[in-house]
Amino acid sequence: MQPIFIGGRVKTKPHLSILALISFIFAFAVARTFTILYPETVLQIRGLHIHHFWYGLATLAIGGWLGISIENERLNRVAAILFGAGGGIIGDEVGLLLTLGDYWTEITYTFIIVFLALVSILILVVKYAELISTEFTEFLHSHASFYFGILLLAVSISFISETENTVVITASSISAVAACVIILAYFVQRMRMRQTRS
């Protein structure tokens, strides 16, 4: 259960992010399958070509409105399902919207994979934040963090020195800075431990 504040009191609310994510994946799969099986089925009204993006937008808006305006456990679940499904239907047409005409572009699959990966990681981080914090603190106290930092720094420097690709250089520079922070944190922890013992 996830805590929320209502009227100065803390109430618990069911985890709805997983439900919305499953609904997103299911709606995307159904929309994509339907389009593959029936590519010629398109709603046209007076010369207007109505893409299912609009159904997704309406479903997303209804789910969002229910979620923010009514506090009821069952309706919250319905809102999460509608919100996720609307996002999945819109996600199916991301390539069409970005390219202004190419429904079958690979951008859609790239977008969906990146989106699902980020949302899944975010859900796990939020759900297990305390455990992750404990594990990370223990890792920083161990010798493994020092060795990992050295390895990450060496790999980052080798990538920086071997390429002229701006993206690779930027990513490697960020990982090199992270490696330096890990190494520095290791030495700070060691100094604190020595001060505590003496």
C-alpha atoms as a PDB file:
ATOM      1  CA  MET A   1       0.000   0.000   0.000  1.00  0.00           C
ATOM      2  CA  GLN A   2       1.214   3.480  -0.883  1.00  0.00           C
ATOM      3  CA  PRO A   3       0.614   6.299   1.637  1.00  0.00           C
ATOM      4  CA  ILE A   4      -1.322   9.378   0.533  1.00  0.00           C
ATOM      5  CA  PHE A   5      -2.365  12.476   2.476  1.00  0.00           C
ATOM      6  CA  ILE A   6      -6.071  13.308   2.691  1.00  0.00           C
ATOM      7  CA  GLY A   7      -7.316  16.037   5.012  1.00  0.00           C
ATOM      8  CA  GLY A   8      -4.089  16.001   7.054  1.00  0.00           C
ATOM      9  CA  ARG A   9      -4.387  12.242   7.679  1.00  0.00           C
ATOM     10  CA  VAL A  10      -2.297   9.538   6.069  1.00  0.00           C
ATOM     11  CA  LYS A  11      -4.354   6.952   4.202  1.00  0.00           C
ATOM     12  CA  THR A  12      -3.105   4.014   2.207  1.00  0.00           C
ATOM     13  CA  LYS A  13      -3.859   3.543  -1.452  1.00  0.00           C
ATOM     14  CA  PRO A  14      -3.313   0.343  -3.438  1.00  0.00           C
ATOM     15  CA  HIS A  15      -0.360   0.211  -5.812  1.00  0.00           C
ATOM     16  CA  LEU A  16      -2.002   1.103  -9.077  1.00  0.00           C
ATOM     17  CA  SER A  17       1.107   1.656 -11.173  1.00  0.00           C
ATOM     18  CA  ILE A  18       1.517  -2.071 -11.899  1.00  0.00           C
ATOM     19  CA  LEU A  19      -2.137  -2.296 -12.939  1.00  0.00           C
ATOM     20  CA  ALA A  20      -1.731   0.697 -15.262  1.00  0.00           C
ATOM     21  CA  LEU A  21       1.475  -0.755 -16.729  1.00  0.00           C
ATOM     22  CA  ILE A  22      -0.162  -4.131 -17.465  1.00  0.00           C
ATOM     23  CA  SER A  23      -3.135  -2.312 -18.987  1.00  0.00           C
ATOM     24  CA  PHE A  24      -0.750  -0.234 -21.123  1.00  0.00           C
ATOM     25  CA  ILE A  25       1.016  -3.334 -22.474  1.00  0.00           C
ATOM     26  CA  PHE A  26      -2.270  -5.155 -23.142  1.00  0.00           C
ATOM     27  CA  ALA A  27      -3.859  -2.169 -24.940  1.00  0.00           C
ATOM     28  CA  PHE A  28      -0.757  -1.649 -27.068  1.00  0.00           C
ATOM     29  CA  ALA A  29      -0.704  -5.345 -28.037  1.00  0.00           C
ATOM     30  CA  VAL A  30      -4.426  -5.371 -28.893  1.00  0.00           C
ATOM     31  CA  ALA A  31      -4.213  -2.149 -30.950  1.00  0.00           C
ATOM     32  CA  ARG A  32      -1.149  -3.372 -32.853  1.00  0.00           C
ATOM     33  CA  THR A  33      -2.668  -6.829 -33.472  1.00  0.00           C
ATOM     34  CA  PHE A  34      -5.951  -5.327 -34.703  1.00  0.00           C
ATOM     35  CA  THR A  35      -4.087  -3.036 -37.101  1.00  0.00           C
ATOM     36  CA  ILE A  36      -2.009  -5.934 -38.432  1.00  0.00           C
ATOM     37  CA  LEU A  37      -5.105  -8.104 -38.974  1.00  0.00           C
ATOM     38  CA  TYR A  38      -7.384  -5.355 -40.321  1.00  0.00           C
ATOM     39  CA  PRO A  39      -5.154  -2.603 -41.768  1.00  0.00           C
ATOM     40  CA  GLU A  40      -7.928  -1.175 -43.950  1.00  0.00           C
ATOM     41  CA  THR A  41     -10.373  -0.622 -41.059  1.00  0.00           C
ATOM     42  CA  VAL A  42     -10.382   3.129 -40.477  1.00  0.00           C
ATOM     43  CA  LEU A  43     -13.178   5.362 -39.235  1.00  0.00           C
ATOM     44  CA  GLN A  44     -13.776   8.209 -41.663  1.00  0.00           C
ATOM     45  CA  ILE A  45     -16.315  10.960 -41.030  1.00  0.00           C
ATOM     46  CA  ARG A  46     -16.848  13.643 -43.695  1.00  0.00           C
ATOM     47  CA  GLY A  47     -13.321  13.261 -45.016  1.00  0.00           C
ATOM     48  CA  LEU A  48     -11.718  13.154 -41.566  1.00  0.00           C
ATOM     49  CA  HIS A  49      -9.495  10.136 -40.908  1.00  0.00           C
ATOM     50  CA  ILE A  50     -10.003   9.224 -37.205  1.00  0.00           C
ATOM     51  CA  HIS A  51      -6.937   7.357 -35.909  1.00  0.00           C
ATOM     52  CA  HIS A  52      -7.247   5.276 -32.756  1.00  0.00           C
ATOM     53  CA  PHE A  53      -4.927   7.817 -31.135  1.00  0.00           C
ATOM     54  CA  TRP A  54      -8.089   9.801 -30.386  1.00  0.00           C
ATOM     55  CA  TYR A  55      -9.722   6.854 -28.607  1.00  0.00           C
ATOM     56  CA  GLY A  56      -6.570   6.532 -26.521  1.00  0.00           C
ATOM     57  CA  LEU A  57      -6.580  10.222 -25.687  1.00  0.00           C
ATOM     58  CA  ALA A  58     -10.232  10.053 -24.577  1.00  0.00           C
ATOM     59  CA  THR A  59      -9.583   6.912 -22.491  1.00  0.00           C
ATOM     60  CA  LEU A  60      -6.499   8.513 -20.918  1.00  0.00           C
ATOM     61  CA  ALA A  61      -8.464  11.663 -20.048  1.00  0.00           C
ATOM     62  CA  ILE A  62     -11.355   9.699 -18.512  1.00  0.00           C
ATOM     63  CA  GLY A  63      -8.972   7.546 -16.451  1.00  0.00           C
ATOM     64  CA  GLY A  64      -7.039  10.589 -15.273  1.00  0.00           C
ATOM     65  CA  TRP A  65     -10.194  12.485 -14.379  1.00  0.00           C
ATOM     66  CA  LEU A  66     -11.570   9.539 -12.374  1.00  0.00           C
ATOM     67  CA  GLY A  67      -8.236   9.091 -10.614  1.00  0.00           C
ATOM     68  CA  ILE A  68      -7.940  12.675  -9.417  1.00  0.00           C
ATOM     69  CA  SER A  69     -11.584  13.474  -8.686  1.00  0.00           C
ATOM     70  CA  ILE A  70     -12.981  10.411  -6.880  1.00  0.00           C
ATOM     71  CA  GLU A  71     -11.414   8.656  -3.885  1.00  0.00           C
ATOM     72  CA  ASN A  72     -12.710   5.103  -4.050  1.00  0.00           C
ATOM     73  CA  GLU A  73     -10.565   1.944  -4.145  1.00  0.00           C
ATOM     74  CA  ARG A  74     -12.567   0.257  -6.919  1.00  0.00           C
ATOM     75  CA  LEU A  75     -12.793   3.410  -9.017  1.00  0.00           C
ATOM     76  CA  ASN A  76      -9.063   3.970  -8.504  1.00  0.00           C
ATOM     77  CA  ARG A  77      -8.429   0.564 -10.073  1.00  0.00           C
ATOM     78  CA  VAL A  78     -10.767   1.358 -12.969  1.00  0.00           C
ATOM     79  CA  ALA A  79      -9.007   4.721 -13.406  1.00  0.00           C
ATOM     80  CA  ALA A  80      -5.586   3.009 -13.459  1.00  0.00           C
ATOM     81  CA  ILE A  81      -6.792   0.506 -16.073  1.00  0.00           C
ATOM     82  CA  LEU A  82      -8.311   3.246 -18.259  1.00  0.00           C
ATOM     83  CA  PHE A  83      -5.251   5.454 -17.897  1.00  0.00           C
ATOM     84  CA  GLY A  84      -2.887   2.625 -18.814  1.00  0.00           C
ATOM     85  CA  ALA A  85      -5.062   1.464 -21.714  1.00  0.00           C
ATOM     86  CA  GLY A  86      -5.288   5.006 -23.097  1.00  0.00           C
ATOM     87  CA  GLY A  87      -1.520   5.318 -22.926  1.00  0.00           C
ATOM     88  CA  GLY A  88      -1.086   1.985 -24.712  1.00  0.00           C
ATOM     89  CA  ILE A  89      -3.436   2.979 -27.531  1.00  0.00           C
ATOM     90  CA  ILE A  90      -1.620   6.309 -27.939  1.00  0.00           C
ATOM     91  CA  GLY A  91       1.718   4.495 -27.751  1.00  0.00           C
ATOM     92  CA  ASP A  92       0.693   2.331 -30.695  1.00  0.00           C
ATOM     93  CA  GLU A  93       0.554   5.427 -32.880  1.00  0.00           C
ATOM     94  CA  VAL A  94       3.683   7.187 -31.613  1.00  0.00           C
ATOM     95  CA  GLY A  95       5.556   6.405 -34.841  1.00  0.00           C
ATOM     96  CA  LEU A  96       2.681   7.734 -36.941  1.00  0.00           C
ATOM     97  CA  LEU A  97       2.531  10.934 -34.880  1.00  0.00           C
ATOM     98  CA  LEU A  98       6.296  11.525 -34.939  1.00  0.00           C
ATOM     99  CA  THR A  99       6.775  10.821 -38.643  1.00  0.00           C
ATOM    100  CA  LEU A 100       3.412  12.292 -39.705  1.00  0.00           C
ATOM    101  CA  GLY A 101       2.395   9.299 -41.751  1.00  0.00           C
ATOM    102  CA  ASP A 102       4.516   6.155 -41.230  1.00  0.00           C
ATOM    103  CA  TYR A 103       2.552   3.863 -38.890  1.00  0.00           C
ATOM    104  CA  TRP A 104       5.000   0.956 -39.311  1.00  0.00           C
ATOM    105  CA  THR A 105       8.155   2.883 -38.386  1.00  0.00           C
ATOM    106  CA  GLU A 106      10.565   1.277 -35.912  1.00  0.00           C
ATOM    107  CA  ILE A 107      10.350   4.406 -33.744  1.00  0.00           C
ATOM    108  CA  THR A 108       7.176   3.016 -32.184  1.00  0.00           C
ATOM    109  CA  TYR A 109       8.872  -0.148 -30.951  1.00  0.00           C
ATOM    110  CA  THR A 110      11.889   1.795 -29.706  1.00  0.00           C
ATOM    111  CA  PHE A 111       9.620   4.219 -27.846  1.00  0.00           C
ATOM    112  CA  ILE A 112       7.568   1.429 -26.253  1.00  0.00           C
ATOM    113  CA  ILE A 113      10.637  -0.541 -25.161  1.00  0.00           C
ATOM    114  CA  VAL A 114      12.316   2.522 -23.636  1.00  0.00           C
ATOM    115  CA  PHE A 115       9.068   3.645 -21.991  1.00  0.00           C
ATOM    116  CA  LEU A 116       8.349   0.205 -20.485  1.00  0.00           C
ATOM    117  CA  ALA A 117      11.914  -0.138 -19.242  1.00  0.00           C
ATOM    118  CA  LEU A 118      11.893   3.281 -17.563  1.00  0.00           C
ATOM    119  CA  VAL A 119       8.453   2.844 -16.009  1.00  0.00           C
ATOM    120  CA  SER A 120       9.299  -0.651 -14.753  1.00  0.00           C
ATOM    121  CA  ILE A 121      12.524   0.606 -13.179  1.00  0.00           C
ATOM    122  CA  LEU A 122      10.694   3.555 -11.624  1.00  0.00           C
ATOM    123  CA  ILE A 123       8.030   1.264 -10.138  1.00  0.00           C
ATOM    124  CA  LEU A 124      10.674  -1.046  -8.680  1.00  0.00           C
ATOM    125  CA  VAL A 125      12.733   1.838  -7.295  1.00  0.00           C
ATOM    126  CA  VAL A 126       9.680   3.408  -5.625  1.00  0.00           C
ATOM    127  CA  LYS A 127       8.458   0.077  -4.240  1.00  0.00           C
ATOM    128  CA  TYR A 128      11.845  -1.063  -2.944  1.00  0.00           C
ATOM    129  CA  ALA A 129      13.437   2.328  -2.164  1.00  0.00           C
ATOM    130  CA  GLU A 130      14.293   1.424   1.421  1.00  0.00           C
ATOM    131  CA  LEU A 131      15.823  -1.922   0.473  1.00  0.00           C
ATOM    132  CA  ILE A 132      17.772  -0.340  -2.415  1.00  0.00           C
ATOM    133  CA  SER A 133      19.079   2.371  -0.086  1.00  0.00           C
ATOM    134  CA  THR A 134      20.235  -0.249   2.444  1.00  0.00           C
ATOM    135  CA  GLU A 135      21.879  -2.386  -0.230  1.00  0.00           C
ATOM    136  CA  PHE A 136      23.592   0.627  -1.813  1.00  0.00           C
ATOM    137  CA  THR A 137      24.912   1.794   1.575  1.00  0.00           C
ATOM    138  CA  GLU A 138      26.289  -1.687   2.282  1.00  0.00           C
ATOM    139  CA  PHE A 139      27.857  -1.746  -1.186  1.00  0.00           C
ATOM    140  CA  LEU A 140      29.589   1.602  -0.555  1.00  0.00           C
ATOM    141  CA  HIS A 141      30.973   0.213   2.719  1.00  0.00           C
ATOM    142  CA  SER A 142      32.479  -2.827   0.991  1.00  0.00           C
ATOM    143  CA  HIS A 143      35.721  -3.256  -0.946  1.00  0.00           C
ATOM    144  CA  ALA A 144      33.601  -4.258  -3.957  1.00  0.00           C
ATOM    145  CA  SER A 145      32.561  -0.611  -4.486  1.00  0.00           C
ATOM    146  CA  PHE A 146      36.208   0.431  -4.821  1.00  0.00           C
ATOM    147  CA  TYR A 147      36.946  -2.319  -7.350  1.00  0.00           C
ATOM    148  CA  PHE A 148      33.748  -1.563  -9.267  1.00  0.00           C
ATOM    149  CA  GLY A 149      34.624   2.144  -9.359  1.00  0.00           C
ATOM    150  CA  ILE A 150      38.119   1.413 -10.727  1.00  0.00           C
ATOM    151  CA  LEU A 151      36.685  -0.946 -13.386  1.00  0.00           C
ATOM    152  CA  LEU A 152      34.002   1.558 -14.418  1.00  0.00           C
ATOM    153  CA  LEU A 153      36.572   4.358 -14.611  1.00  0.00           C
ATOM    154  CA  ALA A 154      38.952   2.272 -16.745  1.00  0.00           C
ATOM    155  CA  VAL A 155      36.191   1.213 -19.156  1.00  0.00           C
ATOM    156  CA  SER A 156      34.891   4.790 -19.409  1.00  0.00           C
ATOM    157  CA  ILE A 157      38.321   6.214 -20.162  1.00  0.00           C
ATOM    158  CA  SER A 158      38.950   3.545 -22.815  1.00  0.00           C
ATOM    159  CA  PHE A 159      35.660   4.407 -24.547  1.00  0.00           C
ATOM    160  CA  ILE A 160      36.438   8.139 -24.414  1.00  0.00           C
ATOM    161  CA  SER A 161      39.907   7.650 -25.891  1.00  0.00           C
ATOM    162  CA  GLU A 162      38.794   5.254 -28.660  1.00  0.00           C
ATOM    163  CA  THR A 163      35.876   7.106 -30.226  1.00  0.00           C
ATOM    164  CA  GLU A 164      34.831  10.425 -31.687  1.00  0.00           C
ATOM    165  CA  ASN A 165      31.100   9.747 -31.289  1.00  0.00           C
ATOM    166  CA  THR A 166      29.623  12.548 -29.182  1.00  0.00           C
ATOM    167  CA  VAL A 167      26.940  10.348 -27.607  1.00  0.00           C
ATOM    168  CA  VAL A 168      29.459   7.686 -26.549  1.00  0.00           C
ATOM    169  CA  ILE A 169      31.854  10.325 -25.217  1.00  0.00           C
ATOM    170  CA  THR A 170      29.050  12.009 -23.224  1.00  0.00           C
ATOM    171  CA  ALA A 171      27.791   8.709 -21.773  1.00  0.00           C
ATOM    172  CA  SER A 172      31.342   7.584 -20.962  1.00  0.00           C
ATOM    173  CA  SER A 173      32.126  10.927 -19.324  1.00  0.00           C
ATOM    174  CA  ILE A 174      29.033  10.611 -17.128  1.00  0.00           C
ATOM    175  CA  SER A 175      30.004   7.062 -16.140  1.00  0.00           C
ATOM    176  CA  ALA A 176      33.593   8.231 -15.443  1.00  0.00           C
ATOM    177  CA  VAL A 177      32.266  10.930 -13.093  1.00  0.00           C
ATOM    178  CA  ALA A 178      30.015   8.325 -11.414  1.00  0.00           C
ATOM    179  CA  ALA A 179      33.058   6.049 -11.015  1.00  0.00           C
ATOM    180  CA  CYS A 180      35.028   8.866  -9.372  1.00  0.00           C
ATOM    181  CA  VAL A 181      32.114   9.554  -6.996  1.00  0.00           C
ATOM    182  CA  ILE A 182      31.966   5.837  -6.049  1.00  0.00           C
ATOM    183  CA  ILE A 183      35.727   5.729  -5.422  1.00  0.00           C
ATOM    184  CA  LEU A 184      35.589   8.950  -3.409  1.00  0.00           C
ATOM    185  CA  ALA A 185      32.614   7.652  -1.370  1.00  0.00           C
ATOM    186  CA  TYR A 186      34.596   4.482  -0.622  1.00  0.00           C
ATOM    187  CA  PHE A 187      37.532   6.480   0.789  1.00  0.00           C
ATOM    188  CA  VAL A 188      35.230   8.800   2.761  1.00  0.00           C
ATOM    189  CA  GLN A 189      33.521   5.770   4.335  1.00  0.00           C
ATOM    190  CA  ARG A 190      36.910   4.238   5.191  1.00  0.00           C
ATOM    191  CA  MET A 191      38.104   7.468   6.844  1.00  0.00           C
ATOM    192  CA  ARG A 192      34.884   7.706   8.878  1.00  0.00           C
ATOM    193  CA  MET A 193      35.264   4.109  10.025  1.00  0.00           C
ATOM    194  CA  ARG A 194      38.852   4.787  11.168  1.00  0.00           C
ATOM    195  CA  GLN A 195      37.753   7.920  13.052  1.00  0.00           C
ATOM    196  CA  THR A 196      34.953   5.960  14.743  1.00  0.00           C
ATOM    197  CA  ARG A 197      37.343   3.223  15.885  1.00  0.00           C
ATOM    198  CA  SER A 198      39.842   5.701  17.346  1.00  0.00           C
END
